[in-house]
Amino acid sequence: MRLRWGIILGIKEFFDFAYSSTHERASDTLECITLMPYERMEGLKEWNFGRFEGQSEELNPPHKPGETSYGDFFVQYGGESSKEVQERMNDCLSQIMEREGYGRVLVVSHGGACYMFLQKWLSFPEIKKRVTDFHNCCILKFTYIDGKFEFIEVVNVKELVSTSGNG
């Protein structure tokens, strides 16, 4: 029997639909959380780092003064700019939320792509203030009303595990 982290963590929220990036690690994560059927979507994939793909993060450049991401650095290596990632994520998530009959949606994506989506809807000072623990498996909770996402909170999965007695 496969253990479901959603049950272990005591996540009691129910979702109407679930989506995952096309990267296998994202769908594997989703399958650890829930038994519900889901759709894999290309628009939810991680930032394309071009020739830097699969390399150590230590090779990533420092942010330019005044910038809060890598900007267009990866474009010269066949990757995406931060704006391209942000637009792709926002377009995909908006399309998902505009579907008929949608309420609660669970989406599993990736750190870089999620961070760029977060920057679409929160200023960098607001991110620093409200998102103090951005890591693997953190949960970013948003509402979607009239074509706009509103950030609600970040849920620290590590804290859920430690308070549930399962970590």
N, C-alpha and C. Protein backbone atom coordinates (compact mmCIF):
# COMPACT_ATOMS: atom_id res chain seq x y z
N MET A 1 0.85 -1.18 0.00
CA MET A 1 0.00 0.00 0.00
C MET A 1 0.88 1.24 0.00
N ARG A 2 0.57 2.19 -0.85
CA ARG A 2 1.33 3.41 -0.96
C ARG A 2 0.82 4.44 0.04
N LEU A 3 1.73 5.04 0.77
CA LEU A 3 1.40 6.03 1.78
C LEU A 3 1.05 7.36 1.12
N ARG A 4 0.00 8.01 1.53
CA ARG A 4 -0.41 9.29 0.97
C ARG A 4 -0.08 10.41 1.95
N TRP A 5 0.83 11.30 1.53
CA TRP A 5 1.24 12.39 2.42
C TRP A 5 0.08 13.31 2.78
N GLY A 6 -0.87 13.48 1.88
CA GLY A 6 -2.02 14.33 2.18
C GLY A 6 -2.75 13.84 3.42
N ILE A 7 -2.82 12.52 3.58
CA ILE A 7 -3.48 11.94 4.75
C ILE A 7 -2.60 12.12 5.98
N ILE A 8 -1.30 11.84 5.84
CA ILE A 8 -0.37 11.97 6.96
C ILE A 8 -0.33 13.40 7.47
N LEU A 9 -0.33 14.36 6.57
CA LEU A 9 -0.22 15.76 6.96
C LEU A 9 -1.53 16.30 7.54
N GLY A 10 -2.58 15.55 7.44
CA GLY A 10 -3.86 16.02 7.96
C GLY A 10 -4.49 17.08 7.07
N ILE A 11 -4.13 17.09 5.79
CA ILE A 11 -4.72 18.05 4.86
C ILE A 11 -6.15 17.61 4.60
N LYS A 12 -7.09 18.39 5.09
CA LYS A 12 -8.49 17.99 5.01
C LYS A 12 -9.25 18.73 3.93
N GLU A 13 -8.55 19.63 3.23
CA GLU A 13 -9.23 20.35 2.17
C GLU A 13 -9.45 19.41 0.99
N PHE A 14 -10.58 19.52 0.38
CA PHE A 14 -10.90 18.72 -0.79
C PHE A 14 -10.76 19.58 -2.03
N PHE A 15 -10.33 18.97 -3.10
CA PHE A 15 -10.12 19.68 -4.34
C PHE A 15 -11.06 19.14 -5.40
N ASP A 16 -11.52 20.04 -6.26
CA ASP A 16 -12.39 19.64 -7.36
C ASP A 16 -11.59 19.04 -8.50
N PHE A 17 -10.38 19.57 -8.71
CA PHE A 17 -9.54 19.15 -9.81
C PHE A 17 -8.08 19.24 -9.39
N ALA A 18 -7.23 18.47 -10.07
CA ALA A 18 -5.80 18.48 -9.79
C ALA A 18 -5.02 18.55 -11.10
N TYR A 19 -3.90 19.25 -11.05
CA TYR A 19 -3.04 19.44 -12.21
C TYR A 19 -1.59 19.30 -11.79
N SER A 20 -0.78 18.90 -12.75
CA SER A 20 0.64 18.73 -12.52
C SER A 20 1.41 19.22 -13.72
N SER A 21 2.63 19.63 -13.48
CA SER A 21 3.58 19.87 -14.55
C SER A 21 3.77 18.56 -15.31
N THR A 22 4.31 18.64 -16.50
CA THR A 22 4.61 17.43 -17.27
C THR A 22 5.89 16.75 -16.79
N HIS A 23 6.66 17.42 -15.95
CA HIS A 23 7.87 16.79 -15.40
C HIS A 23 7.46 15.68 -14.44
N GLU A 24 8.09 14.55 -14.56
CA GLU A 24 7.70 13.38 -13.76
C GLU A 24 7.79 13.64 -12.26
N ARG A 25 8.77 14.40 -11.81
CA ARG A 25 8.90 14.64 -10.37
C ARG A 25 7.68 15.37 -9.81
N ALA A 26 7.02 16.18 -10.63
CA ALA A 26 5.82 16.88 -10.16
C ALA A 26 4.63 15.92 -10.09
N SER A 27 4.47 15.09 -11.10
CA SER A 27 3.35 14.14 -11.06
C SER A 27 3.58 13.09 -9.96
N ASP A 28 4.84 12.71 -9.72
CA ASP A 28 5.14 11.80 -8.61
C ASP A 28 4.72 12.43 -7.28
N THR A 29 5.02 13.71 -7.11
CA THR A 29 4.63 14.42 -5.88
C THR A 29 3.12 14.43 -5.74
N LEU A 30 2.41 14.75 -6.82
CA LEU A 30 0.95 14.79 -6.77
C LEU A 30 0.38 13.43 -6.39
N GLU A 31 0.95 12.38 -6.94
CA GLU A 31 0.46 11.03 -6.64
C GLU A 31 0.74 10.62 -5.19
N CYS A 32 1.72 11.27 -4.55
CA CYS A 32 1.97 11.01 -3.12
C CYS A 32 0.95 11.75 -2.25
N ILE A 33 0.33 12.77 -2.79
CA ILE A 33 -0.59 13.60 -2.03
C ILE A 33 -2.03 13.11 -2.12
N THR A 34 -2.41 12.67 -3.31
CA THR A 34 -3.83 12.35 -3.53
C THR A 34 -4.00 11.18 -4.49
N LEU A 35 -5.13 10.54 -4.39
CA LEU A 35 -5.50 9.46 -5.31
C LEU A 35 -6.36 9.97 -6.46
N MET A 36 -6.73 11.24 -6.43
CA MET A 36 -7.65 11.75 -7.44
C MET A 36 -6.99 11.82 -8.82
N PRO A 37 -7.79 11.72 -9.87
CA PRO A 37 -7.24 11.86 -11.22
C PRO A 37 -6.74 13.28 -11.44
N TYR A 38 -5.78 13.43 -12.34
CA TYR A 38 -5.22 14.76 -12.60
C TYR A 38 -4.81 14.88 -14.05
N GLU A 39 -4.58 16.10 -14.45
CA GLU A 39 -4.13 16.39 -15.81
C GLU A 39 -2.74 16.99 -15.75
N ARG A 40 -1.86 16.51 -16.62
CA ARG A 40 -0.50 17.06 -16.73
C ARG A 40 -0.53 18.17 -17.77
N MET A 41 0.03 19.33 -17.43
CA MET A 41 -0.01 20.47 -18.34
C MET A 41 1.39 21.04 -18.55
N GLU A 42 1.71 21.24 -19.80
CA GLU A 42 3.01 21.77 -20.23
C GLU A 42 3.26 23.16 -19.64
N GLY A 43 2.22 23.96 -19.51
CA GLY A 43 2.37 25.33 -19.01
C GLY A 43 2.80 25.42 -17.56
N LEU A 44 2.76 24.31 -16.83
CA LEU A 44 3.13 24.29 -15.41
C LEU A 44 4.57 23.82 -15.20
N LYS A 45 5.29 23.56 -16.29
CA LYS A 45 6.64 23.02 -16.15
C LYS A 45 7.60 24.04 -15.54
N GLU A 46 8.75 23.55 -15.11
CA GLU A 46 9.76 24.40 -14.50
C GLU A 46 10.34 25.37 -15.52
N TRP A 47 10.94 26.42 -15.02
CA TRP A 47 11.68 27.39 -15.83
C TRP A 47 12.64 26.61 -16.73
N ASN A 48 12.68 26.94 -18.01
CA ASN A 48 13.63 26.32 -18.93
C ASN A 48 14.95 27.07 -18.81
N PHE A 49 15.97 26.38 -18.29
CA PHE A 49 17.28 26.99 -18.07
C PHE A 49 18.23 26.77 -19.24
N GLY A 50 17.72 26.24 -20.37
CA GLY A 50 18.56 26.04 -21.55
C GLY A 50 19.70 25.08 -21.25
N ARG A 51 20.90 25.45 -21.66
CA ARG A 51 22.07 24.58 -21.45
C ARG A 51 22.42 24.42 -19.97
N PHE A 52 21.83 25.24 -19.12
CA PHE A 52 22.07 25.11 -17.68
C PHE A 52 21.16 24.05 -17.06
N GLU A 53 20.23 23.52 -17.84
CA GLU A 53 19.28 22.51 -17.36
C GLU A 53 20.02 21.32 -16.75
N GLY A 54 19.64 20.95 -15.55
CA GLY A 54 20.23 19.80 -14.88
C GLY A 54 21.56 20.07 -14.22
N GLN A 55 22.06 21.30 -14.33
CA GLN A 55 23.34 21.65 -13.72
C GLN A 55 23.14 22.15 -12.28
N SER A 56 24.20 22.25 -11.55
CA SER A 56 24.15 22.73 -10.17
C SER A 56 23.65 24.18 -10.13
N GLU A 57 22.84 24.48 -9.13
CA GLU A 57 22.37 25.86 -8.95
C GLU A 57 23.52 26.81 -8.64
N GLU A 58 24.65 26.27 -8.22
CA GLU A 58 25.82 27.10 -7.94
C GLU A 58 26.31 27.82 -9.20
N LEU A 59 25.93 27.31 -10.38
CA LEU A 59 26.33 27.94 -11.64
C LEU A 59 25.43 29.11 -12.01
N ASN A 60 24.28 29.25 -11.36
CA ASN A 60 23.38 30.35 -11.67
C ASN A 60 24.05 31.67 -11.32
N PRO A 61 23.79 32.69 -12.14
CA PRO A 61 24.44 33.98 -11.89
C PRO A 61 23.80 34.71 -10.70
N PRO A 62 24.54 35.65 -10.11
CA PRO A 62 23.88 36.49 -9.09
C PRO A 62 22.85 37.39 -9.78
N HIS A 63 21.86 37.80 -9.03
CA HIS A 63 20.87 38.72 -9.60
C HIS A 63 21.55 40.07 -9.85
N LYS A 64 21.16 40.70 -10.94
CA LYS A 64 21.66 42.03 -11.24
C LYS A 64 21.11 43.00 -10.20
N PRO A 65 21.82 44.09 -9.92
CA PRO A 65 21.31 45.06 -8.94
C PRO A 65 19.89 45.51 -9.29
N GLY A 66 19.01 45.48 -8.30
CA GLY A 66 17.63 45.91 -8.49
C GLY A 66 16.71 44.84 -9.05
N GLU A 67 17.25 43.68 -9.46
CA GLU A 67 16.42 42.61 -10.00
C GLU A 67 16.13 41.57 -8.93
N THR A 68 15.00 40.89 -9.07
CA THR A 68 14.59 39.90 -8.08
C THR A 68 14.54 38.49 -8.68
N SER A 69 15.13 38.34 -9.87
CA SER A 69 15.20 37.03 -10.51
C SER A 69 16.39 37.06 -11.47
N TYR A 70 16.49 36.03 -12.29
CA TYR A 70 17.60 35.94 -13.25
C TYR A 70 17.33 36.71 -14.54
N GLY A 71 16.19 37.38 -14.62
CA GLY A 71 15.88 38.18 -15.80
C GLY A 71 15.94 37.37 -17.08
N ASP A 72 16.69 37.84 -18.07
CA ASP A 72 16.77 37.13 -19.35
C ASP A 72 18.09 36.38 -19.51
N PHE A 73 18.81 36.13 -18.40
CA PHE A 73 20.12 35.47 -18.45
C PHE A 73 20.09 34.16 -19.23
N PHE A 74 19.10 33.31 -19.01
CA PHE A 74 19.09 31.98 -19.61
C PHE A 74 18.70 31.97 -21.09
N VAL A 75 18.17 33.07 -21.59
CA VAL A 75 17.76 33.16 -23.00
C VAL A 75 18.95 32.90 -23.92
N GLN A 76 20.11 33.47 -23.60
CA GLN A 76 21.31 33.30 -24.43
C GLN A 76 21.79 31.84 -24.48
N TYR A 77 21.29 31.02 -23.57
CA TYR A 77 21.65 29.60 -23.53
C TYR A 77 20.49 28.70 -23.96
N GLY A 78 19.49 29.29 -24.63
CA GLY A 78 18.37 28.51 -25.13
C GLY A 78 17.24 28.34 -24.13
N GLY A 79 17.27 29.09 -23.04
CA GLY A 79 16.24 28.99 -22.01
C GLY A 79 15.23 30.12 -22.09
N GLU A 80 14.46 30.26 -21.03
CA GLU A 80 13.40 31.27 -20.95
C GLU A 80 13.84 32.46 -20.10
N SER A 81 13.25 33.60 -20.38
CA SER A 81 13.43 34.77 -19.51
C SER A 81 12.45 34.66 -18.34
N SER A 82 12.70 35.42 -17.31
CA SER A 82 11.80 35.41 -16.15
C SER A 82 10.40 35.85 -16.56
N LYS A 83 10.29 36.81 -17.45
CA LYS A 83 8.98 37.28 -17.90
C LYS A 83 8.24 36.20 -18.68
N GLU A 84 8.96 35.43 -19.50
CA GLU A 84 8.33 34.35 -20.25
C GLU A 84 7.77 33.29 -19.31
N VAL A 85 8.55 32.94 -18.29
CA VAL A 85 8.09 31.95 -17.31
C VAL A 85 6.85 32.48 -16.58
N GLN A 86 6.92 33.73 -16.16
CA GLN A 86 5.82 34.35 -15.43
C GLN A 86 4.55 34.37 -16.27
N GLU A 87 4.65 34.77 -17.52
CA GLU A 87 3.48 34.83 -18.41
C GLU A 87 2.92 33.43 -18.67
N ARG A 88 3.81 32.46 -18.90
CA ARG A 88 3.37 31.09 -19.16
C ARG A 88 2.60 30.53 -17.97
N MET A 89 3.16 30.69 -16.78
CA MET A 89 2.50 30.20 -15.57
C MET A 89 1.17 30.91 -15.35
N ASN A 90 1.16 32.22 -15.47
CA ASN A 90 -0.07 32.97 -15.24
C ASN A 90 -1.14 32.60 -16.26
N ASP A 91 -0.75 32.48 -17.53
CA ASP A 91 -1.71 32.10 -18.57
C ASP A 91 -2.28 30.71 -18.30
N CYS A 92 -1.42 29.76 -17.96
CA CYS A 92 -1.87 28.39 -17.72
C CYS A 92 -2.79 28.32 -16.50
N LEU A 93 -2.39 28.95 -15.41
CA LEU A 93 -3.22 28.91 -14.20
C LEU A 93 -4.54 29.65 -14.39
N SER A 94 -4.51 30.74 -15.15
CA SER A 94 -5.76 31.46 -15.45
C SER A 94 -6.69 30.60 -16.30
N GLN A 95 -6.14 29.91 -17.30
CA GLN A 95 -6.97 29.03 -18.13
C GLN A 95 -7.60 27.92 -17.29
N ILE A 96 -6.83 27.39 -16.37
CA ILE A 96 -7.36 26.35 -15.48
C ILE A 96 -8.53 26.92 -14.68
N MET A 97 -8.34 28.07 -14.08
CA MET A 97 -9.36 28.64 -13.20
C MET A 97 -10.59 29.15 -13.94
N GLU A 98 -10.45 29.41 -15.23
CA GLU A 98 -11.59 29.88 -16.02
C GLU A 98 -12.47 28.74 -16.52
N ARG A 99 -12.05 27.52 -16.31
CA ARG A 99 -12.86 26.38 -16.75
C ARG A 99 -14.16 26.31 -15.97
N GLU A 100 -15.17 25.85 -16.62
CA GLU A 100 -16.52 25.77 -16.04
C GLU A 100 -16.54 24.84 -14.82
N GLY A 101 -17.18 25.31 -13.76
CA GLY A 101 -17.40 24.47 -12.59
C GLY A 101 -16.22 24.33 -11.65
N TYR A 102 -15.23 25.20 -11.79
CA TYR A 102 -14.04 25.08 -10.96
C TYR A 102 -14.18 25.83 -9.65
N GLY A 103 -13.75 25.20 -8.60
CA GLY A 103 -13.71 25.79 -7.27
C GLY A 103 -12.31 25.65 -6.71
N ARG A 104 -12.09 24.58 -5.97
CA ARG A 104 -10.76 24.33 -5.38
C ARG A 104 -9.92 23.48 -6.33
N VAL A 105 -8.72 23.98 -6.60
CA VAL A 105 -7.83 23.31 -7.54
C VAL A 105 -6.47 23.10 -6.88
N LEU A 106 -5.94 21.91 -7.03
CA LEU A 106 -4.61 21.58 -6.55
C LEU A 106 -3.68 21.54 -7.75
N VAL A 107 -2.58 22.29 -7.68
CA VAL A 107 -1.60 22.33 -8.77
C VAL A 107 -0.22 22.04 -8.20
N VAL A 108 0.51 21.15 -8.85
CA VAL A 108 1.89 20.87 -8.46
C VAL A 108 2.80 21.33 -9.59
N SER A 109 3.67 22.27 -9.25
CA SER A 109 4.62 22.80 -10.23
C SER A 109 6.01 22.79 -9.61
N HIS A 110 6.83 23.80 -9.90
CA HIS A 110 8.24 23.81 -9.52
C HIS A 110 8.64 25.16 -8.94
N GLY A 111 9.72 25.14 -8.18
CA GLY A 111 10.18 26.32 -7.44
C GLY A 111 10.37 27.57 -8.27
N GLY A 112 11.17 27.48 -9.33
CA GLY A 112 11.44 28.67 -10.14
C GLY A 112 10.19 29.21 -10.80
N ALA A 113 9.38 28.32 -11.35
CA ALA A 113 8.14 28.73 -12.02
C ALA A 113 7.15 29.32 -11.01
N CYS A 114 7.03 28.68 -9.85
CA CYS A 114 6.11 29.19 -8.82
C CYS A 114 6.58 30.55 -8.30
N TYR A 115 7.87 30.70 -8.15
CA TYR A 115 8.41 31.97 -7.66
C TYR A 115 8.10 33.10 -8.65
N MET A 116 8.23 32.83 -9.94
CA MET A 116 7.92 33.87 -10.93
C MET A 116 6.43 34.17 -10.94
N PHE A 117 5.57 33.16 -10.76
CA PHE A 117 4.13 33.39 -10.66
C PHE A 117 3.83 34.24 -9.43
N LEU A 118 4.47 33.94 -8.32
CA LEU A 118 4.29 34.71 -7.09
C LEU A 118 4.65 36.18 -7.31
N GLN A 119 5.74 36.42 -8.06
CA GLN A 119 6.16 37.80 -8.34
C GLN A 119 5.18 38.54 -9.24
N LYS A 120 4.36 37.81 -9.98
CA LYS A 120 3.33 38.46 -10.79
C LYS A 120 2.29 39.14 -9.90
N TRP A 121 2.01 38.52 -8.75
CA TRP A 121 0.90 38.98 -7.92
C TRP A 121 1.31 39.63 -6.60
N LEU A 122 2.59 39.55 -6.25
CA LEU A 122 3.08 40.23 -5.04
C LEU A 122 4.36 40.98 -5.37
N SER A 123 4.52 42.15 -4.80
CA SER A 123 5.78 42.88 -4.97
C SER A 123 6.88 42.15 -4.21
N PHE A 124 8.12 42.39 -4.57
CA PHE A 124 9.23 41.73 -3.90
C PHE A 124 9.26 42.04 -2.40
N PRO A 125 9.06 43.30 -1.98
CA PRO A 125 9.01 43.55 -0.52
C PRO A 125 7.88 42.77 0.17
N GLU A 126 6.77 42.62 -0.52
CA GLU A 126 5.65 41.86 0.04
C GLU A 126 5.98 40.37 0.13
N ILE A 127 6.69 39.86 -0.87
CA ILE A 127 7.12 38.46 -0.82
C ILE A 127 8.06 38.25 0.36
N LYS A 128 9.01 39.14 0.53
CA LYS A 128 9.97 39.01 1.64
C LYS A 128 9.26 39.04 3.00
N LYS A 129 8.19 39.79 3.06
CA LYS A 129 7.43 39.93 4.32
C LYS A 129 6.51 38.73 4.56
N ARG A 130 5.83 38.25 3.53
CA ARG A 130 4.77 37.26 3.70
C ARG A 130 5.16 35.82 3.35
N VAL A 131 6.24 35.64 2.59
CA VAL A 131 6.66 34.30 2.18
C VAL A 131 8.05 34.06 2.76
N THR A 132 8.09 33.70 4.02
CA THR A 132 9.36 33.59 4.72
C THR A 132 10.02 32.22 4.61
N ASP A 133 9.32 31.25 4.07
CA ASP A 133 9.88 29.90 3.98
C ASP A 133 9.47 29.26 2.66
N PHE A 134 10.16 29.65 1.59
CA PHE A 134 9.88 29.14 0.24
C PHE A 134 10.85 28.00 -0.04
N HIS A 135 10.35 26.78 -0.09
CA HIS A 135 11.20 25.60 -0.24
C HIS A 135 10.43 24.51 -0.97
N ASN A 136 11.09 23.38 -1.20
CA ASN A 136 10.41 22.25 -1.83
C ASN A 136 9.18 21.86 -1.01
N CYS A 137 8.11 21.59 -1.70
CA CYS A 137 6.85 21.14 -1.11
C CYS A 137 6.14 22.20 -0.27
N CYS A 138 6.53 23.46 -0.39
CA CYS A 138 5.72 24.47 0.30
C CYS A 138 4.43 24.64 -0.50
N ILE A 139 3.40 25.08 0.17
CA ILE A 139 2.09 25.24 -0.45
C ILE A 139 1.79 26.73 -0.53
N LEU A 140 1.57 27.22 -1.74
CA LEU A 140 1.19 28.61 -1.94
C LEU A 140 -0.31 28.62 -2.19
N LYS A 141 -1.02 29.33 -1.35
CA LYS A 141 -2.49 29.34 -1.43
C LYS A 141 -2.95 30.68 -2.01
N PHE A 142 -3.78 30.61 -3.06
CA PHE A 142 -4.32 31.78 -3.75
C PHE A 142 -5.82 31.65 -3.88
N THR A 143 -6.48 32.80 -4.05
CA THR A 143 -7.85 32.81 -4.54
C THR A 143 -7.80 33.36 -5.96
N TYR A 144 -8.86 33.12 -6.72
CA TYR A 144 -8.95 33.62 -8.09
C TYR A 144 -10.34 34.19 -8.28
N ILE A 145 -10.42 35.50 -8.51
CA ILE A 145 -11.70 36.18 -8.70
C ILE A 145 -11.55 37.20 -9.82
N ASP A 146 -12.47 37.15 -10.77
CA ASP A 146 -12.51 38.12 -11.87
C ASP A 146 -11.16 38.28 -12.58
N GLY A 147 -10.52 37.15 -12.88
CA GLY A 147 -9.28 37.19 -13.64
C GLY A 147 -8.05 37.58 -12.84
N LYS A 148 -8.18 37.65 -11.53
CA LYS A 148 -7.04 38.06 -10.70
C LYS A 148 -6.80 37.04 -9.60
N PHE A 149 -5.52 36.74 -9.40
CA PHE A 149 -5.12 35.89 -8.29
C PHE A 149 -4.78 36.76 -7.10
N GLU A 150 -5.14 36.29 -5.92
CA GLU A 150 -4.75 36.98 -4.69
C GLU A 150 -4.06 35.98 -3.78
N PHE A 151 -2.84 36.32 -3.38
CA PHE A 151 -2.09 35.45 -2.50
C PHE A 151 -2.71 35.47 -1.11
N ILE A 152 -2.92 34.28 -0.53
CA ILE A 152 -3.50 34.16 0.80
C ILE A 152 -2.42 33.84 1.83
N GLU A 153 -1.69 32.74 1.59
CA GLU A 153 -0.67 32.35 2.57
C GLU A 153 0.25 31.29 1.98
N VAL A 154 1.37 31.09 2.67
CA VAL A 154 2.24 29.96 2.38
C VAL A 154 2.08 28.99 3.54
N VAL A 155 1.96 27.71 3.20
CA VAL A 155 1.83 26.68 4.22
C VAL A 155 3.14 25.90 4.25
N ASN A 156 3.75 25.84 5.42
CA ASN A 156 5.01 25.14 5.58
C ASN A 156 4.73 23.68 5.90
N VAL A 157 4.98 22.81 4.94
CA VAL A 157 4.70 21.39 5.09
C VAL A 157 5.54 20.78 6.22
N LYS A 158 6.78 21.27 6.38
CA LYS A 158 7.63 20.75 7.45
C LYS A 158 6.98 20.97 8.82
N GLU A 159 6.33 22.11 9.00
CA GLU A 159 5.64 22.38 10.27
C GLU A 159 4.43 21.47 10.44
N LEU A 160 3.71 21.21 9.35
CA LEU A 160 2.56 20.31 9.42
C LEU A 160 3.00 18.92 9.86
N VAL A 161 4.11 18.45 9.31
CA VAL A 161 4.62 17.12 9.64
C VAL A 161 5.04 17.08 11.11
N SER A 162 5.76 18.10 11.56
CA SER A 162 6.27 18.08 12.93
C SER A 162 5.14 18.22 13.95
N THR A 163 4.08 18.96 13.65
CA THR A 163 2.98 19.13 14.59
C THR A 163 2.00 17.97 14.56
N SER A 164 2.06 17.17 13.46
CA SER A 164 1.13 16.05 13.38
C SER A 164 1.72 14.78 14.01
N GLY A 165 2.99 14.87 14.43
CA GLY A 165 3.61 13.70 15.05
C GLY A 165 4.11 12.70 14.03
N ASN A 166 4.15 13.08 12.75
CA ASN A 166 4.58 12.16 11.71
C ASN A 166 5.96 12.52 11.14
N GLY A 167 6.68 13.41 11.76
CA GLY A 167 7.96 13.82 11.19
C GLY A 167 9.02 13.64 12.10
